[in-house]
Amino acid sequence: MFGKNVTRDQPDPPDSIPKYIREGVERQDVQTLQAIATWATQLAEWQESVDVDEIESDLDDEEKIDDVVEDTGGGTLVEKMVPCGKDCGGCPHGPYTYRVTRSGDSLDWEYLGKTETN
């Protein structure tokens, strides 16, 4: 085994990574690649974790956090009460569960459904 030239192929990048990023990353040395990997992991964690103050500042006037705000590692789960937009007299309705993540400078609210109550 020693003395033989063993070549390994460079790993293929995921198709989802744009060409201009792949080309720049492939030109980096090992230390820079490790720093990029660490930073990318930290950036992904930051985008998935949104704190309560940010969430509350993103609510409409009639919306309110109902109960649990939970960081799941894949976003922050929020239960909130929501007005229906009609003069129904029963507003707000819910609670409804949402997954909140970052998208640039704004927050994305993914509706997950009516909150299950025990």
PDB file of N, CA and C in Angstrom:
ATOM      1  N   MET A   1       0.816  -1.185   0.000  1.00  0.00           N
ATOM      2  CA  MET A   1       0.000   0.000   0.000  1.00  0.00           C
ATOM      3  C   MET A   1       0.862   1.252   0.000  1.00  0.00           C
ATOM      4  N   PHE A   2       1.946   1.229   0.774  1.00  0.00           N
ATOM      5  CA  PHE A   2       2.834   2.392   0.778  1.00  0.00           C
ATOM      6  C   PHE A   2       3.587   2.444  -0.539  1.00  0.00           C
ATOM      7  N   GLY A   3       3.858   3.641  -0.980  1.00  0.00           N
ATOM      8  CA  GLY A   3       4.593   3.809  -2.216  1.00  0.00           C
ATOM      9  C   GLY A   3       3.698   3.906  -3.433  1.00  0.00           C
ATOM     10  N   LYS A   4       2.460   3.512  -3.317  1.00  0.00           N
ATOM     11  CA  LYS A   4       1.528   3.622  -4.438  1.00  0.00           C
ATOM     12  C   LYS A   4       0.880   4.990  -4.430  1.00  0.00           C
ATOM     13  N   ASN A   5       0.645   5.505  -5.594  1.00  0.00           N
ATOM     14  CA  ASN A   5      -0.074   6.769  -5.704  1.00  0.00           C
ATOM     15  C   ASN A   5      -1.567   6.494  -5.638  1.00  0.00           C
ATOM     16  N   VAL A   6      -2.189   6.983  -4.611  1.00  0.00           N
ATOM     17  CA  VAL A   6      -3.626   6.816  -4.455  1.00  0.00           C
ATOM     18  C   VAL A   6      -4.253   8.182  -4.697  1.00  0.00           C
ATOM     19  N   THR A   7      -5.123   8.248  -5.655  1.00  0.00           N
ATOM     20  CA  THR A   7      -5.796   9.517  -5.919  1.00  0.00           C
ATOM     21  C   THR A   7      -7.245   9.410  -5.504  1.00  0.00           C
ATOM     22  N   ARG A   8      -7.718  10.494  -4.943  1.00  0.00           N
ATOM     23  CA  ARG A   8      -9.124  10.568  -4.568  1.00  0.00           C
ATOM     24  C   ARG A   8      -9.735  11.696  -5.368  1.00  0.00           C
ATOM     25  N   ASP A   9     -10.938  11.460  -5.821  1.00  0.00           N
ATOM     26  CA  ASP A   9     -11.638  12.490  -6.583  1.00  0.00           C
ATOM     27  C   ASP A   9     -12.152  13.565  -5.637  1.00  0.00           C
ATOM     28  N   GLN A  10     -12.114  14.791  -6.136  1.00  0.00           N
ATOM     29  CA  GLN A  10     -12.683  15.906  -5.380  1.00  0.00           C
ATOM     30  C   GLN A  10     -14.178  15.676  -5.252  1.00  0.00           C
ATOM     31  N   PRO A  11     -14.761  15.920  -4.064  1.00  0.00           N
ATOM     32  CA  PRO A  11     -16.206  15.716  -3.910  1.00  0.00           C
ATOM     33  C   PRO A  11     -16.992  16.682  -4.793  1.00  0.00           C
ATOM     34  N   ASP A  12     -18.103  16.190  -5.289  1.00  0.00           N
ATOM     35  CA  ASP A  12     -18.979  17.021  -6.117  1.00  0.00           C
ATOM     36  C   ASP A  12     -19.814  17.927  -5.219  1.00  0.00           C
ATOM     37  N   PRO A  13     -19.921  19.193  -5.586  1.00  0.00           N
ATOM     38  CA  PRO A  13     -20.764  20.102  -4.796  1.00  0.00           C
ATOM     39  C   PRO A  13     -22.237  19.831  -5.071  1.00  0.00           C
ATOM     40  N   PRO A  14     -23.089  20.149  -4.107  1.00  0.00           N
ATOM     41  CA  PRO A  14     -24.532  20.006  -4.359  1.00  0.00           C
ATOM     42  C   PRO A  14     -24.953  20.917  -5.515  1.00  0.00           C
ATOM     43  N   ASP A  15     -25.915  20.467  -6.293  1.00  0.00           N
ATOM     44  CA  ASP A  15     -26.422  21.259  -7.409  1.00  0.00           C
ATOM     45  C   ASP A  15     -27.041  22.576  -6.941  1.00  0.00           C
ATOM     46  N   SER A  16     -27.465  22.631  -5.689  1.00  0.00           N
ATOM     47  CA  SER A  16     -28.140  23.830  -5.180  1.00  0.00           C
ATOM     48  C   SER A  16     -27.180  24.993  -4.924  1.00  0.00           C
ATOM     49  N   ILE A  17     -25.871  24.716  -4.910  1.00  0.00           N
ATOM     50  CA  ILE A  17     -24.901  25.791  -4.678  1.00  0.00           C
ATOM     51  C   ILE A  17     -24.573  26.449  -6.014  1.00  0.00           C
ATOM     52  N   PRO A  18     -24.783  27.761  -6.113  1.00  0.00           N
ATOM     53  CA  PRO A  18     -24.520  28.458  -7.378  1.00  0.00           C
ATOM     54  C   PRO A  18     -23.052  28.330  -7.813  1.00  0.00           C
ATOM     55  N   LYS A  19     -22.846  28.353  -9.115  1.00  0.00           N
ATOM     56  CA  LYS A  19     -21.521  28.184  -9.702  1.00  0.00           C
ATOM     57  C   LYS A  19     -20.522  29.218  -9.178  1.00  0.00           C
ATOM     58  N   TYR A  20     -20.952  30.470  -9.061  1.00  0.00           N
ATOM     59  CA  TYR A  20     -20.016  31.511  -8.627  1.00  0.00           C
ATOM     60  C   TYR A  20     -19.536  31.279  -7.196  1.00  0.00           C
ATOM     61  N   ILE A  21     -20.338  30.646  -6.359  1.00  0.00           N
ATOM     62  CA  ILE A  21     -19.912  30.323  -4.992  1.00  0.00           C
ATOM     63  C   ILE A  21     -18.989  29.116  -5.016  1.00  0.00           C
ATOM     64  N   ARG A  22     -19.372  28.077  -5.763  1.00  0.00           N
ATOM     65  CA  ARG A  22     -18.534  26.865  -5.862  1.00  0.00           C
ATOM     66  C   ARG A  22     -17.127  27.225  -6.325  1.00  0.00           C
ATOM     67  N   GLU A  23     -17.050  28.031  -7.370  1.00  0.00           N
ATOM     68  CA  GLU A  23     -15.735  28.366  -7.933  1.00  0.00           C
ATOM     69  C   GLU A  23     -14.875  29.120  -6.934  1.00  0.00           C
ATOM     70  N   GLY A  24     -15.491  30.024  -6.174  1.00  0.00           N
ATOM     71  CA  GLY A  24     -14.728  30.767  -5.165  1.00  0.00           C
ATOM     72  C   GLY A  24     -14.272  29.885  -4.023  1.00  0.00           C
ATOM     73  N   VAL A  25     -15.135  29.016  -3.568  1.00  0.00           N
ATOM     74  CA  VAL A  25     -14.814  28.125  -2.450  1.00  0.00           C
ATOM     75  C   VAL A  25     -13.723  27.140  -2.846  1.00  0.00           C
ATOM     76  N   GLU A  26     -13.801  26.603  -4.052  1.00  0.00           N
ATOM     77  CA  GLU A  26     -12.815  25.606  -4.506  1.00  0.00           C
ATOM     78  C   GLU A  26     -11.395  26.172  -4.574  1.00  0.00           C
ATOM     79  N   ARG A  27     -11.239  27.470  -4.659  1.00  0.00           N
ATOM     80  CA  ARG A  27      -9.909  28.092  -4.749  1.00  0.00           C
ATOM     81  C   ARG A  27      -9.280  28.349  -3.384  1.00  0.00           C
ATOM     82  N   GLN A  28      -9.975  28.044  -2.299  1.00  0.00           N
ATOM     83  CA  GLN A  28      -9.489  28.367  -0.956  1.00  0.00           C
ATOM     84  C   GLN A  28      -8.577  27.271  -0.409  1.00  0.00           C
ATOM     85  N   ASP A  29      -7.690  27.680   0.530  1.00  0.00           N
ATOM     86  CA  ASP A  29      -6.836  26.705   1.204  1.00  0.00           C
ATOM     87  C   ASP A  29      -7.628  26.008   2.320  1.00  0.00           C
ATOM     88  N   VAL A  30      -7.016  25.015   2.928  1.00  0.00           N
ATOM     89  CA  VAL A  30      -7.683  24.187   3.941  1.00  0.00           C
ATOM     90  C   VAL A  30      -8.153  25.023   5.125  1.00  0.00           C
ATOM     91  N   GLN A  31      -7.312  25.922   5.638  1.00  0.00           N
ATOM     92  CA  GLN A  31      -7.699  26.729   6.796  1.00  0.00           C
ATOM     93  C   GLN A  31      -8.895  27.617   6.477  1.00  0.00           C
ATOM     94  N   THR A  32      -8.905  28.199   5.302  1.00  0.00           N
ATOM     95  CA  THR A  32     -10.026  29.056   4.918  1.00  0.00           C
ATOM     96  C   THR A  32     -11.286  28.224   4.729  1.00  0.00           C
ATOM     97  N   LEU A  33     -11.150  27.030   4.141  1.00  0.00           N
ATOM     98  CA  LEU A  33     -12.316  26.149   3.983  1.00  0.00           C
ATOM     99  C   LEU A  33     -12.904  25.768   5.334  1.00  0.00           C
ATOM    100  N   GLN A  34     -12.046  25.483   6.308  1.00  0.00           N
ATOM    101  CA  GLN A  34     -12.539  25.146   7.643  1.00  0.00           C
ATOM    102  C   GLN A  34     -13.230  26.347   8.292  1.00  0.00           C
ATOM    103  N   ALA A  35     -12.678  27.543   8.085  1.00  0.00           N
ATOM    104  CA  ALA A  35     -13.304  28.747   8.626  1.00  0.00           C
ATOM    105  C   ALA A  35     -14.651  28.998   7.956  1.00  0.00           C
ATOM    106  N   ILE A  36     -14.734  28.769   6.639  1.00  0.00           N
ATOM    107  CA  ILE A  36     -15.997  28.920   5.918  1.00  0.00           C
ATOM    108  C   ILE A  36     -17.026  27.926   6.444  1.00  0.00           C
ATOM    109  N   ALA A  37     -16.607  26.677   6.675  1.00  0.00           N
ATOM    110  CA  ALA A  37     -17.530  25.654   7.183  1.00  0.00           C
ATOM    111  C   ALA A  37     -18.069  26.038   8.552  1.00  0.00           C
ATOM    112  N   THR A  38     -17.203  26.526   9.432  1.00  0.00           N
ATOM    113  CA  THR A  38     -17.629  26.946  10.769  1.00  0.00           C
ATOM    114  C   THR A  38     -18.601  28.112  10.673  1.00  0.00           C
ATOM    115  N   TRP A  39     -18.247  29.110   9.878  1.00  0.00           N
ATOM    116  CA  TRP A  39     -19.101  30.288   9.719  1.00  0.00           C
ATOM    117  C   TRP A  39     -20.443  29.913   9.086  1.00  0.00           C
ATOM    118  N   ALA A  40     -20.436  29.038   8.077  1.00  0.00           N
ATOM    119  CA  ALA A  40     -21.681  28.627   7.420  1.00  0.00           C
ATOM    120  C   ALA A  40     -22.605  27.922   8.411  1.00  0.00           C
ATOM    121  N   THR A  41     -22.044  27.091   9.277  1.00  0.00           N
ATOM    122  CA  THR A  41     -22.843  26.414  10.301  1.00  0.00           C
ATOM    123  C   THR A  41     -23.438  27.428  11.271  1.00  0.00           C
ATOM    124  N   GLN A  42     -22.626  28.380  11.719  1.00  0.00           N
ATOM    125  CA  GLN A  42     -23.114  29.410  12.634  1.00  0.00           C
ATOM    126  C   GLN A  42     -24.189  30.269  11.973  1.00  0.00           C
ATOM    127  N   LEU A  43     -23.997  30.601  10.708  1.00  0.00           N
ATOM    128  CA  LEU A  43     -24.967  31.405   9.977  1.00  0.00           C
ATOM    129  C   LEU A  43     -26.293  30.666   9.828  1.00  0.00           C
ATOM    130  N   ALA A  44     -26.237  29.376   9.515  1.00  0.00           N
ATOM    131  CA  ALA A  44     -27.460  28.576   9.389  1.00  0.00           C
ATOM    132  C   ALA A  44     -28.200  28.509  10.728  1.00  0.00           C
ATOM    133  N   GLU A  45     -27.460  28.313  11.817  1.00  0.00           N
ATOM    134  CA  GLU A  45     -28.089  28.275  13.143  1.00  0.00           C
ATOM    135  C   GLU A  45     -28.737  29.614  13.470  1.00  0.00           C
ATOM    136  N   TRP A  46     -28.092  30.716  13.118  1.00  0.00           N
ATOM    137  CA  TRP A  46     -28.637  32.041  13.375  1.00  0.00           C
ATOM    138  C   TRP A  46     -29.914  32.266  12.577  1.00  0.00           C
ATOM    139  N   GLN A  47     -29.925  31.811  11.318  1.00  0.00           N
ATOM    140  CA  GLN A  47     -31.109  31.996  10.485  1.00  0.00           C
ATOM    141  C   GLN A  47     -32.293  31.183  10.997  1.00  0.00           C
ATOM    142  N   GLU A  48     -32.019  30.032  11.603  1.00  0.00           N
ATOM    143  CA  GLU A  48     -33.085  29.171  12.098  1.00  0.00           C
ATOM    144  C   GLU A  48     -33.583  29.577  13.476  1.00  0.00           C
ATOM    145  N   SER A  49     -32.800  30.320  14.230  1.00  0.00           N
ATOM    146  CA  SER A  49     -33.165  30.676  15.595  1.00  0.00           C
ATOM    147  C   SER A  49     -33.544  32.149  15.659  1.00  0.00           C
ATOM    148  N   VAL A  50     -34.790  32.410  16.004  1.00  0.00           N
ATOM    149  CA  VAL A  50     -35.282  33.782  16.092  1.00  0.00           C
ATOM    150  C   VAL A  50     -35.749  34.007  17.518  1.00  0.00           C
ATOM    151  N   ASP A  51     -35.276  35.090  18.149  1.00  0.00           N
ATOM    152  CA  ASP A  51     -35.657  35.295  19.547  1.00  0.00           C
ATOM    153  C   ASP A  51     -37.013  35.980  19.678  1.00  0.00           C
ATOM    154  N   VAL A  52     -37.559  35.914  20.867  1.00  0.00           N
ATOM    155  CA  VAL A  52     -38.911  36.375  21.153  1.00  0.00           C
ATOM    156  C   VAL A  52     -39.098  37.854  20.823  1.00  0.00           C
ATOM    157  N   ASP A  53     -38.117  38.677  21.149  1.00  0.00           N
ATOM    158  CA  ASP A  53     -38.239  40.114  20.875  1.00  0.00           C
ATOM    159  C   ASP A  53     -38.411  40.390  19.386  1.00  0.00           C
ATOM    160  N   GLU A  54     -37.638  39.685  18.554  1.00  0.00           N
ATOM    161  CA  GLU A  54     -37.761  39.854  17.107  1.00  0.00           C
ATOM    162  C   GLU A  54     -39.132  39.410  16.622  1.00  0.00           C
ATOM    163  N   ILE A  55     -39.605  38.291  17.153  1.00  0.00           N
ATOM    164  CA  ILE A  55     -40.910  37.763  16.750  1.00  0.00           C
ATOM    165  C   ILE A  55     -42.014  38.735  17.145  1.00  0.00           C
ATOM    166  N   GLU A  56     -41.974  39.220  18.371  1.00  0.00           N
ATOM    167  CA  GLU A  56     -43.014  40.142  18.837  1.00  0.00           C
ATOM    168  C   GLU A  56     -43.026  41.439  18.030  1.00  0.00           C
ATOM    169  N   SER A  57     -41.859  41.908  17.614  1.00  0.00           N
ATOM    170  CA  SER A  57     -41.816  43.142  16.827  1.00  0.00           C
ATOM    171  C   SER A  57     -42.314  42.922  15.401  1.00  0.00           C
ATOM    172  N   ASP A  58     -42.436  41.669  14.976  1.00  0.00           N
ATOM    173  CA  ASP A  58     -42.902  41.349  13.628  1.00  0.00           C
ATOM    174  C   ASP A  58     -44.408  41.084  13.574  1.00  0.00           C
ATOM    175  N   LEU A  59     -45.077  41.074  14.731  1.00  0.00           N
ATOM    176  CA  LEU A  59     -46.514  40.803  14.782  1.00  0.00           C
ATOM    177  C   LEU A  59     -47.322  42.016  14.333  1.00  0.00           C
ATOM    178  N   ASP A  60     -48.501  41.750  13.762  1.00  0.00           N
ATOM    179  CA  ASP A  60     -49.456  42.824  13.487  1.00  0.00           C
ATOM    180  C   ASP A  60     -50.044  43.295  14.816  1.00  0.00           C
ATOM    181  N   ASP A  61     -50.698  44.459  14.801  1.00  0.00           N
ATOM    182  CA  ASP A  61     -51.225  45.039  16.035  1.00  0.00           C
ATOM    183  C   ASP A  61     -52.185  44.113  16.777  1.00  0.00           C
ATOM    184  N   GLU A  62     -53.044  43.383  16.055  1.00  0.00           N
ATOM    185  CA  GLU A  62     -54.045  42.544  16.712  1.00  0.00           C
ATOM    186  C   GLU A  62     -53.545  41.136  17.036  1.00  0.00           C
ATOM    187  N   GLU A  63     -52.365  40.768  16.555  1.00  0.00           N
ATOM    188  CA  GLU A  63     -51.827  39.440  16.836  1.00  0.00           C
ATOM    189  C   GLU A  63     -51.094  39.454  18.167  1.00  0.00           C
ATOM    190  N   LYS A  64     -51.067  38.295  18.820  1.00  0.00           N
ATOM    191  CA  LYS A  64     -50.297  38.200  20.058  1.00  0.00           C
ATOM    192  C   LYS A  64     -49.795  36.783  20.242  1.00  0.00           C
ATOM    193  N   ILE A  65     -48.625  36.679  20.853  1.00  0.00           N
ATOM    194  CA  ILE A  65     -48.075  35.369  21.187  1.00  0.00           C
ATOM    195  C   ILE A  65     -48.968  34.779  22.262  1.00  0.00           C
ATOM    196  N   ASP A  66     -49.417  33.556  22.043  1.00  0.00           N
ATOM    197  CA  ASP A  66     -50.330  32.928  22.990  1.00  0.00           C
ATOM    198  C   ASP A  66     -49.593  32.251  24.130  1.00  0.00           C
ATOM    199  N   ASP A  67     -48.599  31.441  23.788  1.00  0.00           N
ATOM    200  CA  ASP A  67     -48.030  30.653  24.858  1.00  0.00           C
ATOM    201  C   ASP A  67     -46.568  30.338  24.603  1.00  0.00           C
ATOM    202  N   VAL A  68     -46.300  29.204  24.011  1.00  0.00           N
ATOM    203  CA  VAL A  68     -44.961  28.656  23.945  1.00  0.00           C
ATOM    204  C   VAL A  68     -44.201  29.205  22.745  1.00  0.00           C
ATOM    205  N   VAL A  69     -42.994  29.606  22.990  1.00  0.00           N
ATOM    206  CA  VAL A  69     -42.052  29.932  21.925  1.00  0.00           C
ATOM    207  C   VAL A  69     -40.893  28.979  22.127  1.00  0.00           C
ATOM    208  N   GLU A  70     -40.629  28.145  21.143  1.00  0.00           N
ATOM    209  CA  GLU A  70     -39.669  27.070  21.317  1.00  0.00           C
ATOM    210  C   GLU A  70     -38.701  27.050  20.152  1.00  0.00           C
ATOM    211  N   ASP A  71     -37.390  27.082  20.450  1.00  0.00           N
ATOM    212  CA  ASP A  71     -36.364  26.960  19.427  1.00  0.00           C
ATOM    213  C   ASP A  71     -36.177  25.477  19.142  1.00  0.00           C
ATOM    214  N   THR A  72     -36.436  25.057  17.904  1.00  0.00           N
ATOM    215  CA  THR A  72     -36.378  23.644  17.554  1.00  0.00           C
ATOM    216  C   THR A  72     -35.116  23.262  16.804  1.00  0.00           C
ATOM    217  N   GLY A  73     -34.266  24.216  16.494  1.00  0.00           N
ATOM    218  CA  GLY A  73     -33.106  23.925  15.674  1.00  0.00           C
ATOM    219  C   GLY A  73     -33.431  23.984  14.196  1.00  0.00           C
ATOM    220  N   GLY A  74     -34.698  23.976  13.848  1.00  0.00           N
ATOM    221  CA  GLY A  74     -35.134  24.096  12.462  1.00  0.00           C
ATOM    222  C   GLY A  74     -36.040  25.299  12.312  1.00  0.00           C
ATOM    223  N   GLY A  75     -35.891  26.226  13.203  1.00  0.00           N
ATOM    224  CA  GLY A  75     -36.763  27.385  13.253  1.00  0.00           C
ATOM    225  C   GLY A  75     -37.282  27.532  14.668  1.00  0.00           C
ATOM    226  N   THR A  76     -38.017  28.588  14.914  1.00  0.00           N
ATOM    227  CA  THR A  76     -38.611  28.803  16.221  1.00  0.00           C
ATOM    228  C   THR A  76     -40.109  28.585  16.098  1.00  0.00           C
ATOM    229  N   LEU A  77     -40.655  27.675  16.913  1.00  0.00           N
ATOM    230  CA  LEU A  77     -42.083  27.410  16.884  1.00  0.00           C
ATOM    231  C   LEU A  77     -42.802  28.423  17.761  1.00  0.00           C
ATOM    232  N   VAL A  78     -43.833  29.031  17.194  1.00  0.00           N
ATOM    233  CA  VAL A  78     -44.581  30.072  17.881  1.00  0.00           C
ATOM    234  C   VAL A  78     -46.058  29.738  17.820  1.00  0.00           C
ATOM    235  N   GLU A  79     -46.722  29.839  18.951  1.00  0.00           N
ATOM    236  CA  GLU A  79     -48.174  29.723  18.987  1.00  0.00           C
ATOM    237  C   GLU A  79     -48.720  31.123  19.140  1.00  0.00           C
ATOM    238  N   LYS A  80     -49.605  31.520  18.220  1.00  0.00           N
ATOM    239  CA  LYS A  80     -50.146  32.879  18.324  1.00  0.00           C
ATOM    240  C   LYS A  80     -51.626  32.904  18.014  1.00  0.00           C
ATOM    241  N   MET A  81     -52.277  33.922  18.538  1.00  0.00           N
ATOM    242  CA  MET A  81     -53.675  34.210  18.284  1.00  0.00           C
ATOM    243  C   MET A  81     -53.735  35.181  17.113  1.00  0.00           C
ATOM    244  N   VAL A  82     -54.681  34.962  16.196  1.00  0.00           N
ATOM    245  CA  VAL A  82     -54.735  35.739  14.966  1.00  0.00           C
ATOM    246  C   VAL A  82     -56.147  36.261  14.726  1.00  0.00           C
ATOM    247  N   PRO A  83     -56.290  37.544  14.396  1.00  0.00           N
ATOM    248  CA  PRO A  83     -57.618  38.067  14.043  1.00  0.00           C
ATOM    249  C   PRO A  83     -58.009  37.574  12.656  1.00  0.00           C
ATOM    250  N   CYS A  84     -59.311  37.385  12.433  1.00  0.00           N
ATOM    251  CA  CYS A  84     -59.767  36.879  11.134  1.00  0.00           C
ATOM    252  C   CYS A  84     -59.944  37.996  10.109  1.00  0.00           C
ATOM    253  N   GLY A  85     -59.896  39.225  10.540  1.00  0.00           N
ATOM    254  CA  GLY A  85     -60.044  40.342   9.614  1.00  0.00           C
ATOM    255  C   GLY A  85     -61.480  40.768   9.422  1.00  0.00           C
ATOM    256  N   LYS A  86     -62.391  40.048  10.045  1.00  0.00           N
ATOM    257  CA  LYS A  86     -63.813  40.391   9.969  1.00  0.00           C
ATOM    258  C   LYS A  86     -64.238  40.923  11.337  1.00  0.00           C
ATOM    259  N   ASP A  87     -65.354  41.571  11.381  1.00  0.00           N
ATOM    260  CA  ASP A  87     -65.881  42.072  12.653  1.00  0.00           C
ATOM    261  C   ASP A  87     -66.752  40.972  13.261  1.00  0.00           C
ATOM    262  N   CYS A  88     -66.085  39.861  13.664  1.00  0.00           N
ATOM    263  CA  CYS A  88     -66.836  38.687  14.109  1.00  0.00           C
ATOM    264  C   CYS A  88     -67.163  38.707  15.596  1.00  0.00           C
ATOM    265  N   GLY A  89     -66.470  39.506  16.364  1.00  0.00           N
ATOM    266  CA  GLY A  89     -66.705  39.555  17.794  1.00  0.00           C
ATOM    267  C   GLY A  89     -66.005  38.450  18.560  1.00  0.00           C
ATOM    268  N   GLY A  90     -65.418  37.479  17.857  1.00  0.00           N
ATOM    269  CA  GLY A  90     -64.728  36.386  18.542  1.00  0.00           C
ATOM    270  C   GLY A  90     -63.219  36.448  18.388  1.00  0.00           C
ATOM    271  N   CYS A  91     -62.724  37.485  17.775  1.00  0.00           N
ATOM    272  CA  CYS A  91     -61.280  37.610  17.516  1.00  0.00           C
ATOM    273  C   CYS A  91     -60.535  37.911  18.811  1.00  0.00           C
ATOM    274  N   PRO A  92     -59.302  37.527  18.885  1.00  0.00           N
ATOM    275  CA  PRO A  92     -58.562  36.761  17.894  1.00  0.00           C
ATOM    276  C   PRO A  92     -58.863  35.270  18.017  1.00  0.00           C
ATOM    277  N   HIS A  93     -58.498  34.531  16.983  1.00  0.00           N
ATOM    278  CA  HIS A  93     -58.741  33.088  16.930  1.00  0.00           C
ATOM    279  C   HIS A  93     -57.429  32.339  17.121  1.00  0.00           C
ATOM    280  N   GLY A  94     -57.551  31.063  17.463  1.00  0.00           N
ATOM    281  CA  GLY A  94     -56.352  30.240  17.612  1.00  0.00           C
ATOM    282  C   GLY A  94     -56.359  29.547  18.953  1.00  0.00           C
ATOM    283  N   PRO A  95     -55.222  29.175  19.424  1.00  0.00           N
ATOM    284  CA  PRO A  95     -53.919  29.505  18.878  1.00  0.00           C
ATOM    285  C   PRO A  95     -53.553  28.638  17.669  1.00  0.00           C
ATOM    286  N   TYR A  96     -52.708  29.207  16.817  1.00  0.00           N
ATOM    287  CA  TYR A  96     -52.174  28.534  15.646  1.00  0.00           C
ATOM    288  C   TYR A  96     -50.663  28.456  15.797  1.00  0.00           C
ATOM    289  N   THR A  97     -50.076  27.382  15.272  1.00  0.00           N
ATOM    290  CA  THR A  97     -48.632  27.183  15.373  1.00  0.00           C
ATOM    291  C   THR A  97     -47.959  27.579  14.061  1.00  0.00           C
ATOM    292  N   TYR A  98     -46.853  28.306  14.191  1.00  0.00           N
ATOM    293  CA  TYR A  98     -46.051  28.756  13.056  1.00  0.00           C
ATOM    294  C   TYR A  98     -44.586  28.417  13.313  1.00  0.00           C
ATOM    295  N   ARG A  99     -43.844  28.142  12.252  1.00  0.00           N
ATOM    296  CA  ARG A  99     -42.389  28.025  12.328  1.00  0.00           C
ATOM    297  C   ARG A  99     -41.832  29.328  11.778  1.00  0.00           C
ATOM    298  N   VAL A 100     -41.004  29.995  12.568  1.00  0.00           N
ATOM    299  CA  VAL A 100     -40.445  31.280  12.174  1.00  0.00           C
ATOM    300  C   VAL A 100     -38.949  31.108  11.908  1.00  0.00           C
ATOM    301  N   THR A 101     -38.518  31.547  10.716  1.00  0.00           N
ATOM    302  CA  THR A 101     -37.105  31.542  10.340  1.00  0.00           C
ATOM    303  C   THR A 101     -36.762  32.890   9.726  1.00  0.00           C
ATOM    304  N   ARG A 102     -35.482  33.133   9.551  1.00  0.00           N
ATOM    305  CA  ARG A 102     -35.031  34.372   8.922  1.00  0.00           C
ATOM    306  C   ARG A 102     -34.962  34.207   7.409  1.00  0.00           C
ATOM    307  N   SER A 103     -35.200  35.320   6.732  1.00  0.00           N
ATOM    308  CA  SER A 103     -35.002  35.397   5.293  1.00  0.00           C
ATOM    309  C   SER A 103     -34.444  36.781   5.019  1.00  0.00           C
ATOM    310  N   GLY A 104     -33.122  36.866   4.961  1.00  0.00           N
ATOM    311  CA  GLY A 104     -32.489  38.178   4.821  1.00  0.00           C
ATOM    312  C   GLY A 104     -32.762  39.016   6.050  1.00  0.00           C
ATOM    313  N   ASP A 105     -33.349  40.189   5.839  1.00  0.00           N
ATOM    314  CA  ASP A 105     -33.654  41.092   6.948  1.00  0.00           C
ATOM    315  C   ASP A 105     -35.058  40.905   7.508  1.00  0.00           C
ATOM    316  N   SER A 106     -35.801  39.949   6.985  1.00  0.00           N
ATOM    317  CA  SER A 106     -37.174  39.757   7.451  1.00  0.00           C
ATOM    318  C   SER A 106     -37.359  38.351   8.019  1.00  0.00           C
ATOM    319  N   LEU A 107     -38.538  38.135   8.613  1.00  0.00           N
ATOM    320  CA  LEU A 107     -38.872  36.829   9.168  1.00  0.00           C
ATOM    321  C   LEU A 107     -39.889  36.146   8.272  1.00  0.00           C
ATOM    322  N   ASP A 108     -39.734  34.837   8.098  1.00  0.00           N
ATOM    323  CA  ASP A 108     -40.709  34.026   7.367  1.00  0.00           C
ATOM    324  C   ASP A 108     -41.553  33.265   8.381  1.00  0.00           C
ATOM    325  N   TRP A 109     -42.873  33.328   8.213  1.00  0.00           N
ATOM    326  CA  TRP A 109     -43.820  32.636   9.084  1.00  0.00           C
ATOM    327  C   TRP A 109     -44.442  31.503   8.280  1.00  0.00           C
ATOM    328  N   GLU A 110     -44.141  30.262   8.651  1.00  0.00           N
ATOM    329  CA  GLU A 110     -44.726  29.093   7.990  1.00  0.00           C
ATOM    330  C   GLU A 110     -45.855  28.553   8.873  1.00  0.00           C
ATOM    331  N   TYR A 111     -47.063  28.572   8.340  1.00  0.00           N
ATOM    332  CA  TYR A 111     -48.232  28.093   9.087  1.00  0.00           C
ATOM    333  C   TYR A 111     -48.172  26.573   9.193  1.00  0.00           C
ATOM    334  N   LEU A 112     -48.268  26.040  10.415  1.00  0.00           N
ATOM    335  CA  LEU A 112     -48.225  24.600  10.638  1.00  0.00           C
ATOM    336  C   LEU A 112     -49.577  24.036  11.024  1.00  0.00           C
ATOM    337  N   GLY A 113     -50.527  24.880  11.382  1.00  0.00           N
ATOM    338  CA  GLY A 113     -51.865  24.391  11.719  1.00  0.00           C
ATOM    339  C   GLY A 113     -52.321  24.851  13.090  1.00  0.00           C
ATOM    340  N   LYS A 114     -53.547  24.485  13.395  1.00  0.00           N
ATOM    341  CA  LYS A 114     -54.123  24.835  14.689  1.00  0.00           C
ATOM    342  C   LYS A 114     -53.353  24.093  15.773  1.00  0.00           C
ATOM    343  N   THR A 115     -53.053  24.800  16.844  1.00  0.00           N
ATOM    344  CA  THR A 115     -52.303  24.218  17.954  1.00  0.00           C
ATOM    345  C   THR A 115     -53.150  23.162  18.633  1.00  0.00           C
ATOM    346  N   GLU A 116     -52.535  21.997  18.835  1.00  0.00           N
ATOM    347  CA  GLU A 116     -53.236  20.920  19.538  1.00  0.00           C
ATOM    348  C   GLU A 116     -53.262  21.242  21.020  1.00  0.00           C
ATOM    349  N   THR A 117     -54.430  21.122  21.623  1.00  0.00           N
ATOM    350  CA  THR A 117     -54.561  21.351  23.061  1.00  0.00           C
ATOM    351  C   THR A 117     -54.903  20.038  23.732  1.00  0.00           C
ATOM    352  N   ASN A 118     -54.421  19.891  24.954  1.00  0.00           N
ATOM    353  CA  ASN A 118     -54.677  18.630  25.694  1.00  0.00           C
ATOM    354  C   ASN A 118     -55.996  18.655  26.374  1.00  0.00           C
TER     355      ASN A 118
END
